[in-house]
């Protein structure tokens, strides 16, 4: 594995091989129930479709990503 790797374990996966370097290793393990929906991911974005990913990227690049729902209300 390379630094900053992502390992996705499915329901049939039970293990993976890993060798730490001289500085050791750190992991973040995330688990959850299946949502039975399609998943599209790109960079930090996770959505249901590639079209939603593209829209999220446009929103982020134009500084409108979740602005109305999160940033403005939180700063009032």
N, C-alpha and C. Protein backbone atom coordinates (compact mmCIF):
# COMPACT_ATOMS: atom_id res chain seq x y z
N UNK A 1 0.83 -1.19 0.00
CA UNK A 1 0.00 0.00 0.00
C UNK A 1 0.87 1.25 0.00
N UNK A 2 0.35 2.29 -0.54
CA UNK A 2 1.03 3.57 -0.57
C UNK A 2 0.54 4.44 0.57
N UNK A 3 1.30 5.47 0.93
CA UNK A 3 0.80 6.40 1.96
C UNK A 3 -0.54 6.98 1.55
N UNK A 4 -1.38 7.23 2.52
CA UNK A 4 -2.70 7.82 2.30
C UNK A 4 -3.58 6.92 1.43
N UNK A 5 -3.53 5.63 1.67
CA UNK A 5 -4.31 4.67 0.91
C UNK A 5 -5.70 4.50 1.49
N UNK A 6 -6.61 4.06 0.65
CA UNK A 6 -7.97 3.77 1.06
C UNK A 6 -8.21 2.29 0.82
N UNK A 7 -8.70 1.60 1.81
CA UNK A 7 -9.07 0.19 1.68
C UNK A 7 -10.57 0.10 1.94
N UNK A 8 -11.29 -0.45 1.00
CA UNK A 8 -12.72 -0.63 1.15
C UNK A 8 -12.98 -2.12 1.31
N UNK A 9 -13.52 -2.49 2.45
CA UNK A 9 -13.85 -3.88 2.71
C UNK A 9 -15.34 -4.08 2.51
N UNK A 10 -15.69 -5.06 1.72
CA UNK A 10 -17.10 -5.38 1.48
C UNK A 10 -17.52 -6.48 2.44
N UNK A 11 -18.74 -6.92 2.35
CA UNK A 11 -19.24 -7.93 3.27
C UNK A 11 -18.51 -9.27 3.11
N UNK A 12 -17.93 -9.53 1.95
CA UNK A 12 -17.21 -10.79 1.73
C UNK A 12 -15.74 -10.69 2.10
N UNK A 13 -15.22 -9.49 2.33
CA UNK A 13 -13.81 -9.31 2.67
C UNK A 13 -13.62 -9.53 4.17
N UNK A 14 -12.52 -10.18 4.50
CA UNK A 14 -12.27 -10.46 5.91
C UNK A 14 -10.96 -9.87 6.41
N UNK A 15 -10.01 -9.59 5.52
CA UNK A 15 -8.74 -9.06 5.97
C UNK A 15 -7.97 -8.47 4.80
N UNK A 16 -6.90 -7.76 5.11
CA UNK A 16 -5.97 -7.27 4.10
C UNK A 16 -4.58 -7.29 4.71
N UNK A 17 -3.57 -7.38 3.88
CA UNK A 17 -2.19 -7.40 4.34
C UNK A 17 -1.66 -5.98 4.43
N UNK A 18 -0.89 -5.73 5.49
CA UNK A 18 -0.35 -4.39 5.70
C UNK A 18 0.99 -4.50 6.40
N UNK A 19 1.98 -3.76 5.94
CA UNK A 19 3.29 -3.69 6.59
C UNK A 19 3.57 -2.22 6.88
N UNK A 20 3.75 -1.88 8.14
CA UNK A 20 4.02 -0.49 8.54
C UNK A 20 5.46 -0.13 8.21
N UNK A 21 5.68 1.13 7.91
CA UNK A 21 7.02 1.63 7.67
C UNK A 21 7.74 1.91 8.98
N UNK A 22 8.88 2.56 8.89
CA UNK A 22 9.69 2.86 10.08
C UNK A 22 8.97 3.77 11.06
N UNK A 23 8.09 4.61 10.56
CA UNK A 23 7.36 5.54 11.43
C UNK A 23 6.06 4.94 11.97
N UNK A 24 5.80 3.68 11.68
CA UNK A 24 4.57 3.07 12.14
C UNK A 24 3.42 3.37 11.21
N UNK A 25 2.21 3.26 11.71
CA UNK A 25 1.03 3.47 10.89
C UNK A 25 -0.12 3.96 11.74
N UNK A 26 -1.05 4.65 11.08
CA UNK A 26 -2.28 5.08 11.74
C UNK A 26 -3.44 4.72 10.83
N UNK A 27 -4.55 4.33 11.43
CA UNK A 27 -5.73 3.94 10.68
C UNK A 27 -6.95 4.71 11.17
N UNK A 28 -7.85 4.94 10.26
CA UNK A 28 -9.20 5.39 10.61
C UNK A 28 -10.12 4.30 10.08
N UNK A 29 -10.90 3.72 10.94
CA UNK A 29 -11.83 2.65 10.56
C UNK A 29 -13.25 3.19 10.70
N UNK A 30 -14.00 3.08 9.63
CA UNK A 30 -15.37 3.57 9.62
C UNK A 30 -16.28 2.42 9.22
N UNK A 31 -17.38 2.27 9.92
CA UNK A 31 -18.30 1.18 9.65
C UNK A 31 -19.73 1.71 9.68
N UNK A 32 -20.61 1.05 8.97
CA UNK A 32 -22.01 1.45 9.01
C UNK A 32 -22.88 0.41 8.34
N UNK A 33 -24.17 0.59 8.46
CA UNK A 33 -25.14 -0.29 7.84
C UNK A 33 -25.25 0.04 6.35
N UNK A 34 -25.42 -0.95 5.50
CA UNK A 34 -25.62 -0.68 4.07
C UNK A 34 -26.86 0.18 3.85
N UNK A 35 -26.76 1.14 2.93
CA UNK A 35 -27.90 2.01 2.64
C UNK A 35 -28.64 1.59 1.38
N UNK A 36 -28.12 0.57 0.71
CA UNK A 36 -28.76 0.02 -0.49
C UNK A 36 -29.06 1.09 -1.54
N UNK A 37 -28.09 2.00 -1.73
CA UNK A 37 -28.18 3.03 -2.75
C UNK A 37 -26.86 3.04 -3.51
N UNK A 38 -26.87 3.53 -4.76
CA UNK A 38 -25.61 3.65 -5.49
C UNK A 38 -24.70 4.66 -4.80
N UNK A 39 -23.40 4.45 -4.92
CA UNK A 39 -22.43 5.35 -4.30
C UNK A 39 -21.43 5.79 -5.36
N UNK A 40 -21.25 7.10 -5.48
CA UNK A 40 -20.23 7.67 -6.35
C UNK A 40 -19.31 8.49 -5.46
N UNK A 41 -17.99 8.36 -5.66
CA UNK A 41 -17.06 9.15 -4.84
C UNK A 41 -15.97 9.72 -5.74
N UNK A 42 -15.53 10.91 -5.38
CA UNK A 42 -14.43 11.56 -6.07
C UNK A 42 -13.85 12.57 -5.11
N UNK A 43 -12.57 12.44 -4.78
CA UNK A 43 -11.95 13.33 -3.81
C UNK A 43 -12.71 13.25 -2.49
N UNK A 44 -13.02 14.40 -1.90
CA UNK A 44 -13.73 14.37 -0.61
C UNK A 44 -15.25 14.21 -0.75
N UNK A 45 -15.73 14.13 -1.98
CA UNK A 45 -17.17 14.11 -2.21
C UNK A 45 -17.69 12.68 -2.34
N UNK A 46 -18.80 12.40 -1.68
CA UNK A 46 -19.49 11.12 -1.80
C UNK A 46 -20.96 11.42 -2.04
N UNK A 47 -21.47 10.97 -3.16
CA UNK A 47 -22.86 11.20 -3.54
C UNK A 47 -23.43 9.91 -4.11
N UNK A 48 -24.61 9.99 -4.73
CA UNK A 48 -25.22 8.81 -5.34
C UNK A 48 -24.87 8.67 -6.82
N UNK A 49 -24.62 9.78 -7.53
CA UNK A 49 -24.34 9.73 -8.96
C UNK A 49 -23.16 10.62 -9.31
N UNK A 50 -22.58 10.37 -10.48
CA UNK A 50 -21.48 11.21 -10.97
C UNK A 50 -21.98 12.64 -11.21
N UNK A 51 -23.21 12.78 -11.65
CA UNK A 51 -23.79 14.10 -11.87
C UNK A 51 -23.83 14.90 -10.57
N UNK A 52 -24.20 14.24 -9.46
CA UNK A 52 -24.21 14.92 -8.15
C UNK A 52 -22.79 15.30 -7.72
N UNK A 53 -21.82 14.44 -8.02
CA UNK A 53 -20.42 14.77 -7.73
C UNK A 53 -20.00 16.01 -8.51
N UNK A 54 -20.32 16.04 -9.80
CA UNK A 54 -19.97 17.20 -10.63
C UNK A 54 -20.61 18.48 -10.09
N UNK A 55 -21.87 18.41 -9.66
CA UNK A 55 -22.55 19.58 -9.10
C UNK A 55 -21.89 20.01 -7.79
N UNK A 56 -21.54 19.06 -6.95
CA UNK A 56 -20.87 19.39 -5.69
C UNK A 56 -19.53 20.07 -5.95
N UNK A 57 -18.80 19.61 -6.96
CA UNK A 57 -17.52 20.24 -7.30
C UNK A 57 -17.73 21.66 -7.81
N UNK A 58 -18.76 21.86 -8.65
CA UNK A 58 -19.06 23.22 -9.13
C UNK A 58 -19.45 24.13 -7.97
N UNK A 59 -20.29 23.62 -7.07
CA UNK A 59 -20.69 24.41 -5.90
C UNK A 59 -19.49 24.77 -5.04
N UNK A 60 -18.60 23.82 -4.83
CA UNK A 60 -17.41 24.07 -4.01
C UNK A 60 -16.53 25.12 -4.68
N UNK A 61 -16.33 24.99 -5.98
CA UNK A 61 -15.45 25.91 -6.71
C UNK A 61 -16.03 27.32 -6.79
N UNK A 62 -17.35 27.47 -6.73
CA UNK A 62 -17.99 28.79 -6.79
C UNK A 62 -18.36 29.31 -5.40
N UNK A 63 -17.89 28.61 -4.37
CA UNK A 63 -18.10 29.02 -2.97
C UNK A 63 -19.58 29.04 -2.59
N UNK A 64 -20.36 28.13 -3.18
CA UNK A 64 -21.77 28.02 -2.81
C UNK A 64 -22.08 26.66 -2.19
N UNK A 65 -21.07 25.86 -1.92
CA UNK A 65 -21.26 24.51 -1.37
C UNK A 65 -21.81 24.60 0.05
N UNK A 66 -23.00 24.13 0.30
CA UNK A 66 -23.75 24.13 1.55
C UNK A 66 -23.80 25.48 2.26
N UNK A 67 -23.52 26.56 1.58
CA UNK A 67 -23.51 27.88 2.21
C UNK A 67 -24.87 28.23 2.82
N UNK A 68 -25.95 28.04 2.07
CA UNK A 68 -27.27 28.44 2.56
C UNK A 68 -27.73 27.62 3.75
N UNK A 69 -27.35 26.36 3.81
CA UNK A 69 -27.83 25.50 4.88
C UNK A 69 -26.93 25.51 6.11
N UNK A 70 -25.65 25.77 5.95
CA UNK A 70 -24.74 25.59 7.09
C UNK A 70 -24.06 26.89 7.52
N UNK A 71 -23.33 27.50 6.62
CA UNK A 71 -22.48 28.62 7.02
C UNK A 71 -23.26 29.84 7.47
N UNK A 72 -24.24 30.26 6.70
CA UNK A 72 -24.96 31.48 7.04
C UNK A 72 -25.74 31.31 8.33
N UNK A 73 -26.48 30.23 8.50
CA UNK A 73 -27.27 30.02 9.69
C UNK A 73 -26.40 29.89 10.93
N UNK A 74 -25.27 29.22 10.79
CA UNK A 74 -24.40 29.01 11.95
C UNK A 74 -23.77 30.33 12.44
N UNK A 75 -23.54 31.25 11.52
CA UNK A 75 -22.86 32.51 11.89
C UNK A 75 -23.82 33.62 12.30
N UNK A 76 -25.10 33.34 12.37
CA UNK A 76 -26.07 34.38 12.77
C UNK A 76 -26.07 34.57 14.25
